[in-house]
Protein backbone atom coordinates (compact mmCIF):
# COMPACT_ATOMS: atom_id res chain seq x y z
CA UNK A 1 86.25 96.64 160.95
CA UNK A 2 83.83 99.51 160.41
CA UNK A 3 85.49 102.86 161.02
CA UNK A 4 89.04 101.45 160.88
CA UNK A 5 91.68 103.51 159.17
CA UNK A 6 93.03 102.23 155.89
CA UNK A 7 95.87 104.36 154.54
CA UNK A 8 94.68 107.20 156.77
CA UNK A 9 91.08 107.05 155.51
CA UNK A 10 88.19 105.82 157.64
CA UNK A 11 86.47 102.95 155.84
CA UNK A 12 82.73 103.06 155.25
CA UNK A 13 80.69 100.05 156.21
CA UNK A 14 79.47 97.81 153.41
CA UNK A 15 75.98 96.29 153.24
CA UNK A 16 75.54 93.45 150.77
CA UNK A 17 72.00 92.89 149.47
CA UNK A 18 71.14 89.57 147.90
CA UNK A 19 67.67 88.38 147.13
CA UNK A 20 65.14 87.27 144.61
CA UNK A 21 64.47 88.95 141.28
CA UNK A 22 60.81 88.32 142.15
CA UNK A 23 61.00 90.14 145.48
CA UNK A 24 58.30 92.80 145.80
CA UNK A 25 58.06 93.55 149.55
CA UNK A 26 59.38 97.10 149.68
CA UNK A 27 58.45 97.44 153.36
CA UNK A 28 60.71 94.64 154.59
CA UNK A 29 63.65 95.86 152.54
CA UNK A 30 63.08 99.46 153.70
CA UNK A 31 63.03 98.42 157.37
CA UNK A 32 66.14 96.26 157.10
CA UNK A 33 68.08 98.91 155.17
CA UNK A 34 67.09 101.68 157.58
CA UNK A 35 68.20 99.58 160.56
CA UNK A 36 71.51 98.75 158.88
CA UNK A 37 72.09 102.41 157.92
CA UNK A 38 71.46 103.55 161.50
CA UNK A 39 73.64 100.87 163.05
CA UNK A 40 76.57 101.06 160.64
CA UNK A 41 76.86 104.79 159.87
CA UNK A 42 80.20 106.19 161.08
CA UNK A 43 82.08 109.44 160.94
CA UNK A 44 83.15 108.29 157.48
CA UNK A 45 79.52 108.53 156.38
CA UNK A 46 76.65 106.29 155.49
CA UNK A 47 77.39 102.68 154.63
CA UNK A 48 77.89 101.67 151.00
CA UNK A 49 75.15 99.49 149.55
CA UNK A 50 76.50 96.61 147.44
CA UNK A 51 74.30 94.53 145.13
CA UNK A 52 74.31 92.56 141.91
CA UNK A 53 72.63 95.17 139.75
CA UNK A 54 69.55 93.14 138.83
CA UNK A 55 66.98 95.40 137.13
CA UNK A 56 64.11 94.13 139.30
CA UNK A 57 63.51 92.56 142.68
CA UNK A 58 65.55 93.03 145.87
CA UNK A 59 68.54 94.67 144.15
CA UNK A 60 66.40 97.25 142.38
CA UNK A 61 64.26 98.07 145.41
CA UNK A 62 67.30 98.47 147.66
CA UNK A 63 69.06 100.59 145.02
CA UNK A 64 66.12 102.99 144.66
CA UNK A 65 65.70 103.38 148.43
CA UNK A 66 69.42 103.85 149.11
CA UNK A 67 69.88 106.46 146.39
CA UNK A 68 66.72 108.26 147.54
CA UNK A 69 68.28 108.49 151.02
CA UNK A 70 71.49 109.91 149.52
CA UNK A 71 73.58 106.78 150.00
CA UNK A 72 76.41 105.47 147.83
CA UNK A 73 75.69 102.35 145.76
CA UNK A 74 78.18 99.87 144.37
CA UNK A 75 76.78 97.50 141.73
CA UNK A 76 78.33 94.31 140.44
CA UNK A 77 76.41 93.26 137.34
CA UNK A 78 77.06 89.75 136.06
CA UNK A 79 79.05 89.48 132.83
CA UNK A 80 76.79 87.01 131.03
CA UNK A 81 78.53 87.42 127.68
CA UNK A 82 81.92 86.53 129.10
CA UNK A 83 81.02 83.84 131.67
CA UNK A 84 77.70 82.46 130.41
CA UNK A 85 75.53 80.59 132.90
CA UNK A 86 78.23 80.82 135.59
CA UNK A 87 78.29 84.63 135.50
CA UNK A 88 75.85 85.10 138.37
CA UNK A 89 77.76 82.83 140.74
CA UNK A 90 81.08 84.42 139.75
CA UNK A 91 79.62 87.87 140.41
CA UNK A 92 78.22 86.74 143.77
CA UNK A 93 81.58 85.29 144.82
CA UNK A 94 83.31 88.55 143.84
CA UNK A 95 80.86 90.62 145.91
CA UNK A 96 81.38 88.39 148.94
CA UNK A 97 85.16 88.42 148.50
CA UNK A 98 85.10 92.24 148.48
CA UNK A 99 83.76 92.07 152.04
CA UNK A 100 80.60 93.13 153.81
CA UNK A 101 79.78 94.27 157.32
CA UNK A 102 76.15 93.19 156.94
CA UNK A 103 74.38 90.84 154.55
CA UNK A 104 70.69 91.35 153.88
CA UNK A 105 69.12 88.41 152.15
CA UNK A 106 67.53 85.03 152.72
CA UNK A 107 70.38 83.85 154.91
CA UNK A 108 70.09 86.76 157.28
CA UNK A 109 66.64 88.31 157.12
CA UNK A 110 63.32 86.61 157.75
CA UNK A 111 61.02 87.40 154.85
CA UNK A 112 63.64 87.74 152.13
CA UNK A 113 63.14 85.06 149.52
CA UNK A 114 65.88 83.34 147.61
CA UNK A 115 66.15 83.75 143.88
CA UNK A 116 65.96 80.08 143.05
CA UNK A 117 68.13 77.02 142.73
CA UNK A 118 71.49 78.74 142.73
CA UNK A 119 71.03 80.29 146.16
CA UNK A 120 72.39 77.21 147.91
CA UNK A 121 75.76 77.85 146.27
CA UNK A 122 75.45 81.59 146.98
CA UNK A 123 74.84 80.78 150.64
CA UNK A 124 77.97 78.63 150.65
CA UNK A 125 79.97 81.56 149.25
CA UNK A 126 78.58 83.81 151.97
CA UNK A 127 79.41 81.35 154.73
CA UNK A 128 82.92 80.74 153.38
CA UNK A 129 83.66 84.46 153.17
CA UNK A 130 81.86 85.46 156.37
CA UNK A 131 82.03 82.62 158.94
CA UNK A 132 80.03 84.71 161.41
CA UNK A 133 76.97 83.98 159.25
CA UNK A 134 77.21 80.35 160.31
CA UNK A 135 77.30 81.49 163.95
CA UNK A 136 74.31 83.77 163.25
CA UNK A 137 72.34 80.99 161.55
CA UNK A 138 73.03 78.48 164.31
CA UNK A 139 72.21 80.99 167.06
CA UNK A 140 68.92 81.82 165.30
CA UNK A 141 68.13 78.11 164.90
CA UNK A 142 68.95 77.49 168.57
CA UNK A 143 66.70 80.35 169.69
CA UNK A 144 63.86 79.09 167.50
CA UNK A 145 64.32 75.51 168.69
CA UNK A 146 64.41 76.63 172.34
CA UNK A 147 61.18 78.55 171.83
CA UNK A 148 59.50 75.54 170.20
CA UNK A 149 60.72 73.27 172.98
CA UNK A 150 59.30 75.62 175.62
CA UNK A 151 55.98 75.69 173.76
CA UNK A 152 55.94 71.88 173.65
CA UNK A 153 56.64 71.63 177.39
CA UNK A 154 53.96 74.24 178.14
CA UNK A 155 51.46 72.29 176.02
CA UNK A 156 52.40 68.98 177.65
CA UNK A 157 52.09 70.41 181.15
CA UNK A 158 48.92 72.38 180.31
CA UNK A 159 46.81 69.34 179.45
CA UNK A 160 43.87 68.27 181.64
CA UNK A 161 46.17 65.52 182.88
CA UNK A 162 49.64 67.11 182.68
CA UNK A 163 52.52 65.05 181.33
CA UNK A 164 54.83 64.25 184.24
CA UNK A 165 58.21 65.88 184.68
CA UNK A 166 59.66 62.37 184.59
CA UNK A 167 58.25 61.72 181.08
CA UNK A 168 59.27 65.20 179.85
CA UNK A 169 62.76 64.71 181.25
CA UNK A 170 63.15 61.29 179.60
CA UNK A 171 61.92 62.71 176.27
CA UNK A 172 64.51 65.50 176.54
CA UNK A 173 67.32 63.17 177.63
CA UNK A 174 67.56 64.47 181.19
CA UNK A 175 66.30 63.73 184.68
CA UNK A 176 62.89 64.89 185.87
CA UNK A 177 64.65 67.28 188.27
CA UNK A 178 66.68 68.83 185.43
CA UNK A 179 63.52 69.18 183.31
CA UNK A 180 61.66 70.85 186.18
CA UNK A 181 64.59 73.22 186.86
CA UNK A 182 64.76 74.17 183.19
CA UNK A 183 61.04 74.54 182.40
CA UNK A 184 59.19 74.58 185.72
CA UNK A 185 58.81 78.38 185.58
CA UNK A 186 56.76 78.02 182.36
CA UNK A 187 53.82 76.28 184.00
CA UNK A 188 51.80 76.88 187.17
C-alpha cells in the first residue's frame, strides 16, 4: 500500500509505464503522468516511475517528463544478449513482479498503443500480478457497454415510430416494465 511503512521507511508509490516504441503523443503521456503524480504523491515523496528503458516511444517520453519534473526513475532494460528474443517478456515480468501502484499503458489508458504482437502476453503478466486490472478492465467495458445500450434504446425510442417497450424488453431479455423502469428516463 502506498505510504505504508516498510522497515520504518515510508514506501514511495510506483508507476509502471508500458507502451509502444512508436508512441509519439507526448500530451497524453504528460496528462496521465501528471494525474498519477498528483494522486500518488505521499509524505515519502513523488512516486517512482518504472519503465523498460526503451530509447524511444512511451518509455523515453515518460522518462524525459519525469526527470524534468524532478522525479525518480527506475529502468529495467531487457538483457537481449543473455535472453535473446525472450528478453523483453522476461524484463516485463520482472517489472510487474516488482509491484506497481498504477500501470499506464494500453491496458489502462485510452490512447496508449501497444507495441505489437507481444503485448497480449505482457497484458497477461499484468493481470496475473495485479488482479485489480481485470476488475478495472471489466468495469470499463461494463460502463462502455451500458452507454452503448442507452444510446441504442434512445435511438430506438427516438424514431418517427418508436420501438415499443415490449420489443426493447424482449431484445434485452426482460419484461417491458423492467425495460421502461431502466431506460424510460432517457426518452420523452
